[in-house]
Structure formats: C-alpha cells, structure tokens
mmCIF file of all heavy atoms, coordinates in Angstrom:
data_MODEL
# 
_entry.id   MODEL 
# 
loop_
_atom_site.group_PDB 
_atom_site.id 
_atom_site.type_symbol 
_atom_site.label_atom_id 
_atom_site.label_alt_id 
_atom_site.label_comp_id 
_atom_site.label_asym_id 
_atom_site.label_entity_id 
_atom_site.label_seq_id 
_atom_site.pdbx_PDB_ins_code 
_atom_site.Cartn_x 
_atom_site.Cartn_y 
_atom_site.Cartn_z 
_atom_site.occupancy 
_atom_site.B_iso_or_equiv 
_atom_site.pdbx_formal_charge 
_atom_site.auth_seq_id 
_atom_site.auth_comp_id 
_atom_site.auth_asym_id 
_atom_site.auth_atom_id 
_atom_site.pdbx_PDB_model_num 
ATOM 1   N N   . LEU A 1 1  ? -18.594 -5.396 -12.583 1.00 0.00 ? 1  LEU A N   1 
ATOM 2   C CA  . LEU A 1 1  ? -17.313 -5.468 -13.279 1.00 0.00 ? 1  LEU A CA  1 
ATOM 3   C C   . LEU A 1 1  ? -17.174 -4.287 -14.226 1.00 0.00 ? 1  LEU A C   1 
ATOM 4   O O   . LEU A 1 1  ? -18.075 -3.996 -15.019 1.00 0.00 ? 1  LEU A O   1 
ATOM 5   C CB  . LEU A 1 1  ? -17.217 -6.778 -14.076 1.00 0.00 ? 1  LEU A CB  1 
ATOM 6   C CG  . LEU A 1 1  ? -16.031 -6.904 -15.038 1.00 0.00 ? 1  LEU A CG  1 
ATOM 7   C CD1 . LEU A 1 1  ? -14.714 -6.903 -14.278 1.00 0.00 ? 1  LEU A CD1 1 
ATOM 8   C CD2 . LEU A 1 1  ? -16.174 -8.174 -15.878 1.00 0.00 ? 1  LEU A CD2 1 
ATOM 9   N N   . ILE A 1 2  ? -16.056 -3.585 -14.135 1.00 0.00 ? 2  ILE A N   1 
ATOM 10  C CA  . ILE A 1 2  ? -15.697 -2.550 -15.111 1.00 0.00 ? 2  ILE A CA  1 
ATOM 11  C C   . ILE A 1 2  ? -14.489 -3.054 -15.879 1.00 0.00 ? 2  ILE A C   1 
ATOM 12  O O   . ILE A 1 2  ? -13.484 -3.457 -15.293 1.00 0.00 ? 2  ILE A O   1 
ATOM 13  C CB  . ILE A 1 2  ? -15.352 -1.221 -14.424 1.00 0.00 ? 2  ILE A CB  1 
ATOM 14  C CG1 . ILE A 1 2  ? -16.572 -0.641 -13.719 1.00 0.00 ? 2  ILE A CG1 1 
ATOM 15  C CG2 . ILE A 1 2  ? -14.822 -0.215 -15.455 1.00 0.00 ? 2  ILE A CG2 1 
ATOM 16  C CD1 . ILE A 1 2  ? -16.278 0.621  -12.934 1.00 0.00 ? 2  ILE A CD1 1 
ATOM 17  N N   . PHE A 1 3  ? -14.601 -3.070 -17.180 1.00 0.00 ? 3  PHE A N   1 
ATOM 18  C CA  . PHE A 1 3  ? -13.538 -3.503 -18.070 1.00 0.00 ? 3  PHE A CA  1 
ATOM 19  C C   . PHE A 1 3  ? -13.215 -2.338 -18.994 1.00 0.00 ? 3  PHE A C   1 
ATOM 20  O O   . PHE A 1 3  ? -14.098 -1.823 -19.669 1.00 0.00 ? 3  PHE A O   1 
ATOM 21  C CB  . PHE A 1 3  ? -14.034 -4.670 -18.933 1.00 0.00 ? 3  PHE A CB  1 
ATOM 22  C CG  . PHE A 1 3  ? -13.293 -5.962 -18.730 1.00 0.00 ? 3  PHE A CG  1 
ATOM 23  C CD1 . PHE A 1 3  ? -13.974 -7.107 -18.365 1.00 0.00 ? 3  PHE A CD1 1 
ATOM 24  C CD2 . PHE A 1 3  ? -11.924 -6.049 -18.935 1.00 0.00 ? 3  PHE A CD2 1 
ATOM 25  C CE1 . PHE A 1 3  ? -13.324 -8.319 -18.190 1.00 0.00 ? 3  PHE A CE1 1 
ATOM 26  C CE2 . PHE A 1 3  ? -11.253 -7.246 -18.765 1.00 0.00 ? 3  PHE A CE2 1 
ATOM 27  C CZ  . PHE A 1 3  ? -11.958 -8.387 -18.393 1.00 0.00 ? 3  PHE A CZ  1 
ATOM 28  N N   . LYS A 1 4  ? -11.981 -1.886 -19.046 1.00 0.00 ? 4  LYS A N   1 
ATOM 29  C CA  . LYS A 1 4  ? -11.614 -0.878 -20.034 1.00 0.00 ? 4  LYS A CA  1 
ATOM 30  C C   . LYS A 1 4  ? -10.136 -1.023 -20.388 1.00 0.00 ? 4  LYS A C   1 
ATOM 31  O O   . LYS A 1 4  ? -9.351  -1.591 -19.613 1.00 0.00 ? 4  LYS A O   1 
ATOM 32  C CB  . LYS A 1 4  ? -11.923 0.527  -19.537 1.00 0.00 ? 4  LYS A CB  1 
ATOM 33  C CG  . LYS A 1 4  ? -11.225 0.958  -18.281 1.00 0.00 ? 4  LYS A CG  1 
ATOM 34  C CD  . LYS A 1 4  ? -11.685 2.357  -17.885 1.00 0.00 ? 4  LYS A CD  1 
ATOM 35  C CE  . LYS A 1 4  ? -10.990 2.838  -16.617 1.00 0.00 ? 4  LYS A CE  1 
ATOM 36  N NZ  . LYS A 1 4  ? -11.447 4.182  -16.215 1.00 0.00 ? 4  LYS A NZ  1 
ATOM 37  N N   . VAL A 1 5  ? -9.779  -0.519 -21.537 1.00 0.00 ? 5  VAL A N   1 
ATOM 38  C CA  . VAL A 1 5  ? -8.399  -0.636 -22.002 1.00 0.00 ? 5  VAL A CA  1 
ATOM 39  C C   . VAL A 1 5  ? -7.467  0.049  -21.003 1.00 0.00 ? 5  VAL A C   1 
ATOM 40  O O   . VAL A 1 5  ? -7.733  1.152  -20.540 1.00 0.00 ? 5  VAL A O   1 
ATOM 41  C CB  . VAL A 1 5  ? -8.235  -0.016 -23.406 1.00 0.00 ? 5  VAL A CB  1 
ATOM 42  C CG1 . VAL A 1 5  ? -6.761  -0.029 -23.827 1.00 0.00 ? 5  VAL A CG1 1 
ATOM 43  C CG2 . VAL A 1 5  ? -9.083  -0.780 -24.423 1.00 0.00 ? 5  VAL A CG2 1 
ATOM 44  N N   . HIS A 1 6  ? -6.390  -0.621 -20.679 1.00 0.00 ? 6  HIS A N   1 
ATOM 45  C CA  . HIS A 1 6  ? -5.439  -0.093 -19.701 1.00 0.00 ? 6  HIS A CA  1 
ATOM 46  C C   . HIS A 1 6  ? -4.649  1.065  -20.289 1.00 0.00 ? 6  HIS A C   1 
ATOM 47  O O   . HIS A 1 6  ? -4.123  0.987  -21.398 1.00 0.00 ? 6  HIS A O   1 
ATOM 48  C CB  . HIS A 1 6  ? -4.474  -1.206 -19.266 1.00 0.00 ? 6  HIS A CB  1 
ATOM 49  C CG  . HIS A 1 6  ? -3.435  -0.749 -18.307 1.00 0.00 ? 6  HIS A CG  1 
ATOM 50  N ND1 . HIS A 1 6  ? -2.077  -0.898 -18.539 1.00 0.00 ? 6  HIS A ND1 1 
ATOM 51  C CD2 . HIS A 1 6  ? -3.536  -0.136 -17.105 1.00 0.00 ? 6  HIS A CD2 1 
ATOM 52  C CE1 . HIS A 1 6  ? -1.404  -0.405 -17.522 1.00 0.00 ? 6  HIS A CE1 1 
ATOM 53  N NE2 . HIS A 1 6  ? -2.251  0.060  -16.638 1.00 0.00 ? 6  HIS A NE2 1 
ATOM 54  N N   . GLU A 1 7  ? -4.576  2.152  -19.536 1.00 0.00 ? 7  GLU A N   1 
ATOM 55  C CA  . GLU A 1 7  ? -3.801  3.312  -19.946 1.00 0.00 ? 7  GLU A CA  1 
ATOM 56  C C   . GLU A 1 7  ? -2.509  3.369  -19.134 1.00 0.00 ? 7  GLU A C   1 
ATOM 57  O O   . GLU A 1 7  ? -2.530  3.257  -17.907 1.00 0.00 ? 7  GLU A O   1 
ATOM 58  C CB  . GLU A 1 7  ? -4.611  4.594  -19.726 1.00 0.00 ? 7  GLU A CB  1 
ATOM 59  C CG  . GLU A 1 7  ? -5.888  4.651  -20.559 1.00 0.00 ? 7  GLU A CG  1 
ATOM 60  C CD  . GLU A 1 7  ? -6.665  5.931  -20.319 1.00 0.00 ? 7  GLU A CD  1 
ATOM 61  O OE1 . GLU A 1 7  ? -6.193  6.775  -19.512 1.00 0.00 ? 7  GLU A OE1 1 
ATOM 62  O OE2 . GLU A 1 7  ? -7.735  6.098  -20.936 1.00 0.00 ? 7  GLU A OE2 1 
ATOM 63  N N   . LEU A 1 8  ? -1.398  3.544  -19.829 1.00 0.00 ? 8  LEU A N   1 
ATOM 64  C CA  . LEU A 1 8  ? -0.109  3.581  -19.155 1.00 0.00 ? 8  LEU A CA  1 
ATOM 65  C C   . LEU A 1 8  ? 0.024   4.840  -18.300 1.00 0.00 ? 8  LEU A C   1 
ATOM 66  O O   . LEU A 1 8  ? -0.436  5.917  -18.676 1.00 0.00 ? 8  LEU A O   1 
ATOM 67  C CB  . LEU A 1 8  ? 1.029   3.544  -20.183 1.00 0.00 ? 8  LEU A CB  1 
ATOM 68  C CG  . LEU A 1 8  ? 1.187   2.246  -20.993 1.00 0.00 ? 8  LEU A CG  1 
ATOM 69  C CD1 . LEU A 1 8  ? 2.293   2.411  -22.029 1.00 0.00 ? 8  LEU A CD1 1 
ATOM 70  C CD2 . LEU A 1 8  ? 1.489   1.075  -20.070 1.00 0.00 ? 8  LEU A CD2 1 
ATOM 71  N N   . SER A 1 9  ? 0.647   4.686  -17.146 1.00 0.00 ? 9  SER A N   1 
ATOM 72  C CA  . SER A 1 9  ? 0.940   5.816  -16.272 1.00 0.00 ? 9  SER A CA  1 
ATOM 73  C C   . SER A 1 9  ? 2.430   6.140  -16.365 1.00 0.00 ? 9  SER A C   1 
ATOM 74  O O   . SER A 1 9  ? 3.250   5.268  -16.653 1.00 0.00 ? 9  SER A O   1 
ATOM 75  C CB  . SER A 1 9  ? 0.592   5.470  -14.814 1.00 0.00 ? 9  SER A CB  1 
ATOM 76  O OG  . SER A 1 9  ? -0.781  5.190  -14.673 1.00 0.00 ? 9  SER A OG  1 
ATOM 77  N N   . ALA A 1 10 ? 2.767   7.389  -16.123 1.00 0.00 ? 10 ALA A N   1 
ATOM 78  C CA  . ALA A 1 10 ? 4.178   7.778  -16.090 1.00 0.00 ? 10 ALA A CA  1 
ATOM 79  C C   . ALA A 1 10 ? 4.883   6.993  -14.990 1.00 0.00 ? 10 ALA A C   1 
ATOM 80  O O   . ALA A 1 10 ? 4.339   6.817  -13.897 1.00 0.00 ? 10 ALA A O   1 
ATOM 81  C CB  . ALA A 1 10 ? 4.310   9.275  -15.842 1.00 0.00 ? 10 ALA A CB  1 
ATOM 82  N N   . ASN A 1 11 ? 6.091   6.512  -15.267 1.00 0.00 ? 11 ASN A N   1 
ATOM 83  C CA  . ASN A 1 11 ? 6.788   5.696  -14.264 1.00 0.00 ? 11 ASN A CA  1 
ATOM 84  C C   . ASN A 1 11 ? 7.660   6.524  -13.335 1.00 0.00 ? 11 ASN A C   1 
ATOM 85  O O   . ASN A 1 11 ? 8.357   5.994  -12.470 1.00 0.00 ? 11 ASN A O   1 
ATOM 86  C CB  . ASN A 1 11 ? 7.621   4.604  -14.933 1.00 0.00 ? 11 ASN A CB  1 
ATOM 87  C CG  . ASN A 1 11 ? 8.799   5.171  -15.723 1.00 0.00 ? 11 ASN A CG  1 
ATOM 88  O OD1 . ASN A 1 11 ? 8.886   6.382  -15.934 1.00 0.00 ? 11 ASN A OD1 1 
ATOM 89  N ND2 . ASN A 1 11 ? 9.689   4.297  -16.157 1.00 0.00 ? 11 ASN A ND2 1 
ATOM 90  N N   . SER A 1 12 ? 7.634   7.859  -13.486 1.00 0.00 ? 12 SER A N   1 
ATOM 91  C CA  . SER A 1 12 ? 8.402   8.740  -12.631 1.00 0.00 ? 12 SER A CA  1 
ATOM 92  C C   . SER A 1 12 ? 7.540   9.948  -12.275 1.00 0.00 ? 12 SER A C   1 
ATOM 93  O O   . SER A 1 12 ? 6.917   10.551 -13.140 1.00 0.00 ? 12 SER A O   1 
ATOM 94  C CB  . SER A 1 12 ? 9.671   9.193  -13.369 1.00 0.00 ? 12 SER A CB  1 
ATOM 95  O OG  . SER A 1 12 ? 10.452  10.054 -12.566 1.00 0.00 ? 12 SER A OG  1 
ATOM 96  N N   . LEU A 1 13 ? 7.484   10.298 -10.994 1.00 0.00 ? 13 LEU A N   1 
ATOM 97  C CA  . LEU A 1 13 ? 6.589   11.370 -10.575 1.00 0.00 ? 13 LEU A CA  1 
ATOM 98  C C   . LEU A 1 13 ? 7.104   12.071 -9.322  1.00 0.00 ? 13 LEU A C   1 
ATOM 99  O O   . LEU A 1 13 ? 8.028   11.611 -8.659  1.00 0.00 ? 13 LEU A O   1 
ATOM 100 C CB  . LEU A 1 13 ? 5.179   10.855 -10.356 1.00 0.00 ? 13 LEU A CB  1 
ATOM 101 C CG  . LEU A 1 13 ? 4.908   9.834  -9.248  1.00 0.00 ? 13 LEU A CG  1 
ATOM 102 C CD1 . LEU A 1 13 ? 3.430   9.806  -8.918  1.00 0.00 ? 13 LEU A CD1 1 
ATOM 103 C CD2 . LEU A 1 13 ? 5.344   8.429  -9.663  1.00 0.00 ? 13 LEU A CD2 1 
ATOM 104 N N   . SER A 1 14 ? 6.474   13.204 -9.002  1.00 0.00 ? 14 SER A N   1 
ATOM 105 C CA  . SER A 1 14 ? 6.858   13.999 -7.836  1.00 0.00 ? 14 SER A CA  1 
ATOM 106 C C   . SER A 1 14 ? 5.862   13.787 -6.705  1.00 0.00 ? 14 SER A C   1 
ATOM 107 O O   . SER A 1 14 ? 4.698   13.474 -6.929  1.00 0.00 ? 14 SER A O   1 
ATOM 108 C CB  . SER A 1 14 ? 6.929   15.484 -8.212  1.00 0.00 ? 14 SER A CB  1 
ATOM 109 O OG  . SER A 1 14 ? 5.694   15.922 -8.747  1.00 0.00 ? 14 SER A OG  1 
ATOM 110 N N   . LEU A 1 15 ? 6.340   13.995 -5.479  1.00 0.00 ? 15 LEU A N   1 
ATOM 111 C CA  . LEU A 1 15 ? 5.546   13.683 -4.292  1.00 0.00 ? 15 LEU A CA  1 
ATOM 112 C C   . LEU A 1 15 ? 5.699   14.796 -3.259  1.00 0.00 ? 15 LEU A C   1 
ATOM 113 O O   . LEU A 1 15 ? 6.776   15.363 -3.097  1.00 0.00 ? 15 LEU A O   1 
ATOM 114 C CB  . LEU A 1 15 ? 6.038   12.359 -3.699  1.00 0.00 ? 15 LEU A CB  1 
ATOM 115 C CG  . LEU A 1 15 ? 5.330   11.792 -2.477  1.00 0.00 ? 15 LEU A CG  1 
ATOM 116 C CD1 . LEU A 1 15 ? 3.920   11.329 -2.833  1.00 0.00 ? 15 LEU A CD1 1 
ATOM 117 C CD2 . LEU A 1 15 ? 6.135   10.624 -1.903  1.00 0.00 ? 15 LEU A CD2 1 
ATOM 118 N N   . THR A 1 16 ? 4.607   15.096 -2.567  1.00 0.00 ? 16 THR A N   1 
ATOM 119 C CA  . THR A 1 16 ? 4.657   16.057 -1.471  1.00 0.00 ? 16 THR A CA  1 
ATOM 120 C C   . THR A 1 16 ? 3.864   15.520 -0.288  1.00 0.00 ? 16 THR A C   1 
ATOM 121 O O   . THR A 1 16 ? 3.142   14.517 -0.414  1.00 0.00 ? 16 THR A O   1 
ATOM 122 C CB  . THR A 1 16 ? 4.093   17.429 -1.914  1.00 0.00 ? 16 THR A CB  1 
ATOM 123 O OG1 . THR A 1 16 ? 4.356   18.393 -0.889  1.00 0.00 ? 16 THR A OG1 1 
ATOM 124 C CG2 . THR A 1 16 ? 2.586   17.364 -2.167  1.00 0.00 ? 16 THR A CG2 1 
ATOM 125 N N   . SER A 1 17 ? 3.994   16.169 0.848   1.00 0.00 ? 17 SER A N   1 
ATOM 126 C CA  . SER A 1 17 ? 3.287   15.741 2.053   1.00 0.00 ? 17 SER A CA  1 
ATOM 127 C C   . SER A 1 17 ? 1.882   16.326 2.087   1.00 0.00 ? 17 SER A C   1 
ATOM 128 O O   . SER A 1 17 ? 1.669   17.485 1.702   1.00 0.00 ? 17 SER A O   1 
ATOM 129 C CB  . SER A 1 17 ? 4.047   16.187 3.305   1.00 0.00 ? 17 SER A CB  1 
ATOM 130 O OG  . SER A 1 17 ? 5.293   15.543 3.388   1.00 0.00 ? 17 SER A OG  1 
ATOM 131 N N   . GLY A 1 18 ? 0.924   15.524 2.546   1.00 0.00 ? 18 GLY A N   1 
ATOM 132 C CA  . GLY A 1 18 ? -0.444  15.988 2.676   1.00 0.00 ? 18 GLY A CA  1 
ATOM 133 C C   . GLY A 1 18 ? -0.708  16.551 4.057   1.00 0.00 ? 18 GLY A C   1 
ATOM 134 O O   . GLY A 1 18 ? 0.074   16.372 4.995   1.00 0.00 ? 18 GLY A O   1 
ATOM 135 N N   . PHE A 1 19 ? -1.827  17.238 4.189   1.00 0.00 ? 19 PHE A N   1 
ATOM 136 C CA  . PHE A 1 19 ? -2.209  17.811 5.478   1.00 0.00 ? 19 PHE A CA  1 
ATOM 137 C C   . PHE A 1 19 ? -3.042  16.829 6.300   1.00 0.00 ? 19 PHE A C   1 
ATOM 138 O O   . PHE A 1 19 ? -3.101  16.915 7.513   1.00 0.00 ? 19 PHE A O   1 
ATOM 139 C CB  . PHE A 1 19 ? -3.014  19.099 5.258   1.00 0.00 ? 19 PHE A CB  1 
ATOM 140 C CG  . PHE A 1 19 ? -2.205  20.198 4.650   1.00 0.00 ? 19 PHE A CG  1 
ATOM 141 C CD1 . PHE A 1 19 ? -2.319  20.497 3.305   1.00 0.00 ? 19 PHE A CD1 1 
ATOM 142 C CD2 . PHE A 1 19 ? -1.323  20.931 5.422   1.00 0.00 ? 19 PHE A CD2 1 
ATOM 143 C CE1 . PHE A 1 19 ? -1.564  21.513 2.740   1.00 0.00 ? 19 PHE A CE1 1 
ATOM 144 C CE2 . PHE A 1 19 ? -0.560  21.950 4.867   1.00 0.00 ? 19 PHE A CE2 1 
ATOM 145 C CZ  . PHE A 1 19 ? -0.681  22.244 3.514   1.00 0.00 ? 19 PHE A CZ  1 
ATOM 146 N N   . GLN A 1 20 ? -3.690  15.896 5.624   1.00 0.00 ? 20 GLN A N   1 
ATOM 147 C CA  . GLN A 1 20 ? -4.567  14.947 6.306   1.00 0.00 ? 20 GLN A CA  1 
ATOM 148 C C   . GLN A 1 20 ? -3.766  14.041 7.233   1.00 0.00 ? 20 GLN A C   1 
ATOM 149 O O   . GLN A 1 20 ? -2.731  13.491 6.842   1.00 0.00 ? 20 GLN A O   1 
ATOM 150 C CB  . GLN A 1 20 ? -5.319  14.107 5.276   1.00 0.00 ? 20 GLN A CB  1 
ATOM 151 C CG  . GLN A 1 20 ? -6.195  13.025 5.865   1.00 0.00 ? 20 GLN A CG  1 
ATOM 152 C CD  . GLN A 1 20 ? -6.811  12.148 4.781   1.00 0.00 ? 20 GLN A CD  1 
ATOM 153 O OE1 . GLN A 1 20 ? -6.851  12.507 3.614   1.00 0.00 ? 20 GLN A OE1 1 
ATOM 154 N NE2 . GLN A 1 20 ? -7.293  10.982 5.161   1.00 0.00 ? 20 GLN A NE2 1 
ATOM 155 N N   . ILE A 1 21 ? -4.228  13.878 8.463   1.00 0.00 ? 21 ILE A N   1 
ATOM 156 C CA  . ILE A 1 21 ? -3.611  12.944 9.416   1.00 0.00 ? 21 ILE A CA  1 
ATOM 157 C C   . ILE A 1 21 ? -4.518  11.729 9.516   1.00 0.00 ? 21 ILE A C   1 
ATOM 158 O O   . ILE A 1 21 ? -5.703  11.839 9.839   1.00 0.00 ? 21 ILE A O   1 
ATOM 159 C CB  . ILE A 1 21 ? -3.447  13.587 10.809  1.00 0.00 ? 21 ILE A CB  1 
ATOM 160 C CG1 . ILE A 1 21 ? -2.563  14.833 10.714  1.00 0.00 ? 21 ILE A CG1 1 
ATOM 161 C CG2 . ILE A 1 21 ? -2.857  12.579 11.787  1.00 0.00 ? 21 ILE A CG2 1 
ATOM 162 C CD1 . ILE A 1 21 ? -1.162  14.568 10.233  1.00 0.00 ? 21 ILE A CD1 1 
ATOM 163 N N   . LYS A 1 22 ? -3.976  10.556 9.235   1.00 0.00 ? 22 LYS A N   1 
ATOM 164 C CA  . LYS A 1 22 ? -4.767  9.341  9.319   1.00 0.00 ? 22 LYS A CA  1 
ATOM 165 C C   . LYS A 1 22 ? -4.754  8.815  10.757  1.00 0.00 ? 22 LYS A C   1 
ATOM 166 O O   . LYS A 1 22 ? -3.709  8.848  11.430  1.00 0.00 ? 22 LYS A O   1 
ATOM 167 C CB  . LYS A 1 22 ? -4.243  8.287  8.354   1.00 0.00 ? 22 LYS A CB  1 
ATOM 168 C CG  . LYS A 1 22 ? -4.433  8.668  6.885   1.00 0.00 ? 22 LYS A CG  1 
ATOM 169 C CD  . LYS A 1 22 ? -4.321  7.471  5.978   1.00 0.00 ? 22 LYS A CD  1 
ATOM 170 C CE  . LYS A 1 22 ? -4.722  7.823  4.564   1.00 0.00 ? 22 LYS A CE  1 
ATOM 171 N NZ  . LYS A 1 22 ? -4.760  6.639  3.677   1.00 0.00 ? 22 LYS A NZ  1 
ATOM 172 N N   . THR A 1 23 ? -5.885  8.324  11.202  1.00 0.00 ? 23 THR A N   1 
ATOM 173 C CA  . THR A 1 23 ? -5.993  7.805  12.562  1.00 0.00 ? 23 THR A CA  1 
ATOM 174 C C   . THR A 1 23 ? -6.462  6.353  12.534  1.00 0.00 ? 23 THR A C   1 
ATOM 175 O O   . THR A 1 23 ? -7.170  5.939  11.605  1.00 0.00 ? 23 THR A O   1 
ATOM 176 C CB  . THR A 1 23 ? -6.986  8.636  13.393  1.00 0.00 ? 23 THR A CB  1 
ATOM 177 O OG1 . THR A 1 23 ? -8.252  8.666  12.713  1.00 0.00 ? 23 THR A OG1 1 
ATOM 178 C CG2 . THR A 1 23 ? -6.489  10.056 13.566  1.00 0.00 ? 23 THR A CG2 1 
ATOM 179 N N   . PRO A 1 24 ? -6.075  5.555  13.519  1.00 0.00 ? 24 PRO A N   1 
ATOM 180 C CA  . PRO A 1 24 ? -6.508  4.154  13.569  1.00 0.00 ? 24 PRO A CA  1 
ATOM 181 C C   . PRO A 1 24 ? -8.035  4.051  13.593  1.00 0.00 ? 24 PRO A C   1 
ATOM 182 O O   . PRO A 1 24 ? -8.727  4.897  14.163  1.00 0.00 ? 24 PRO A O   1 
ATOM 183 C CB  . PRO A 1 24 ? -5.900  3.642  14.877  1.00 0.00 ? 24 PRO A CB  1 
ATOM 184 C CG  . PRO A 1 24 ? -4.756  4.556  15.145  1.00 0.00 ? 24 PRO A CG  1 
ATOM 185 C CD  . PRO A 1 24 ? -5.180  5.897  14.643  1.00 0.00 ? 24 PRO A CD  1 
# 
C-alpha cells in the first residue's frame, strides 16, 4: 500500500498522437 496526499492535476490539457502502435 502506498498512501500519500493527493495532488490536484490540471483539468485542461493538450494531446498529440503517439508513434507506438498497440497490438492485441
């Protein structure tokens, strides 16, 4: 178990496409 104080994350962010292709 890891317990630590929760840190807030920004609720708005930018996104881009990755190069990694996921396979089944």
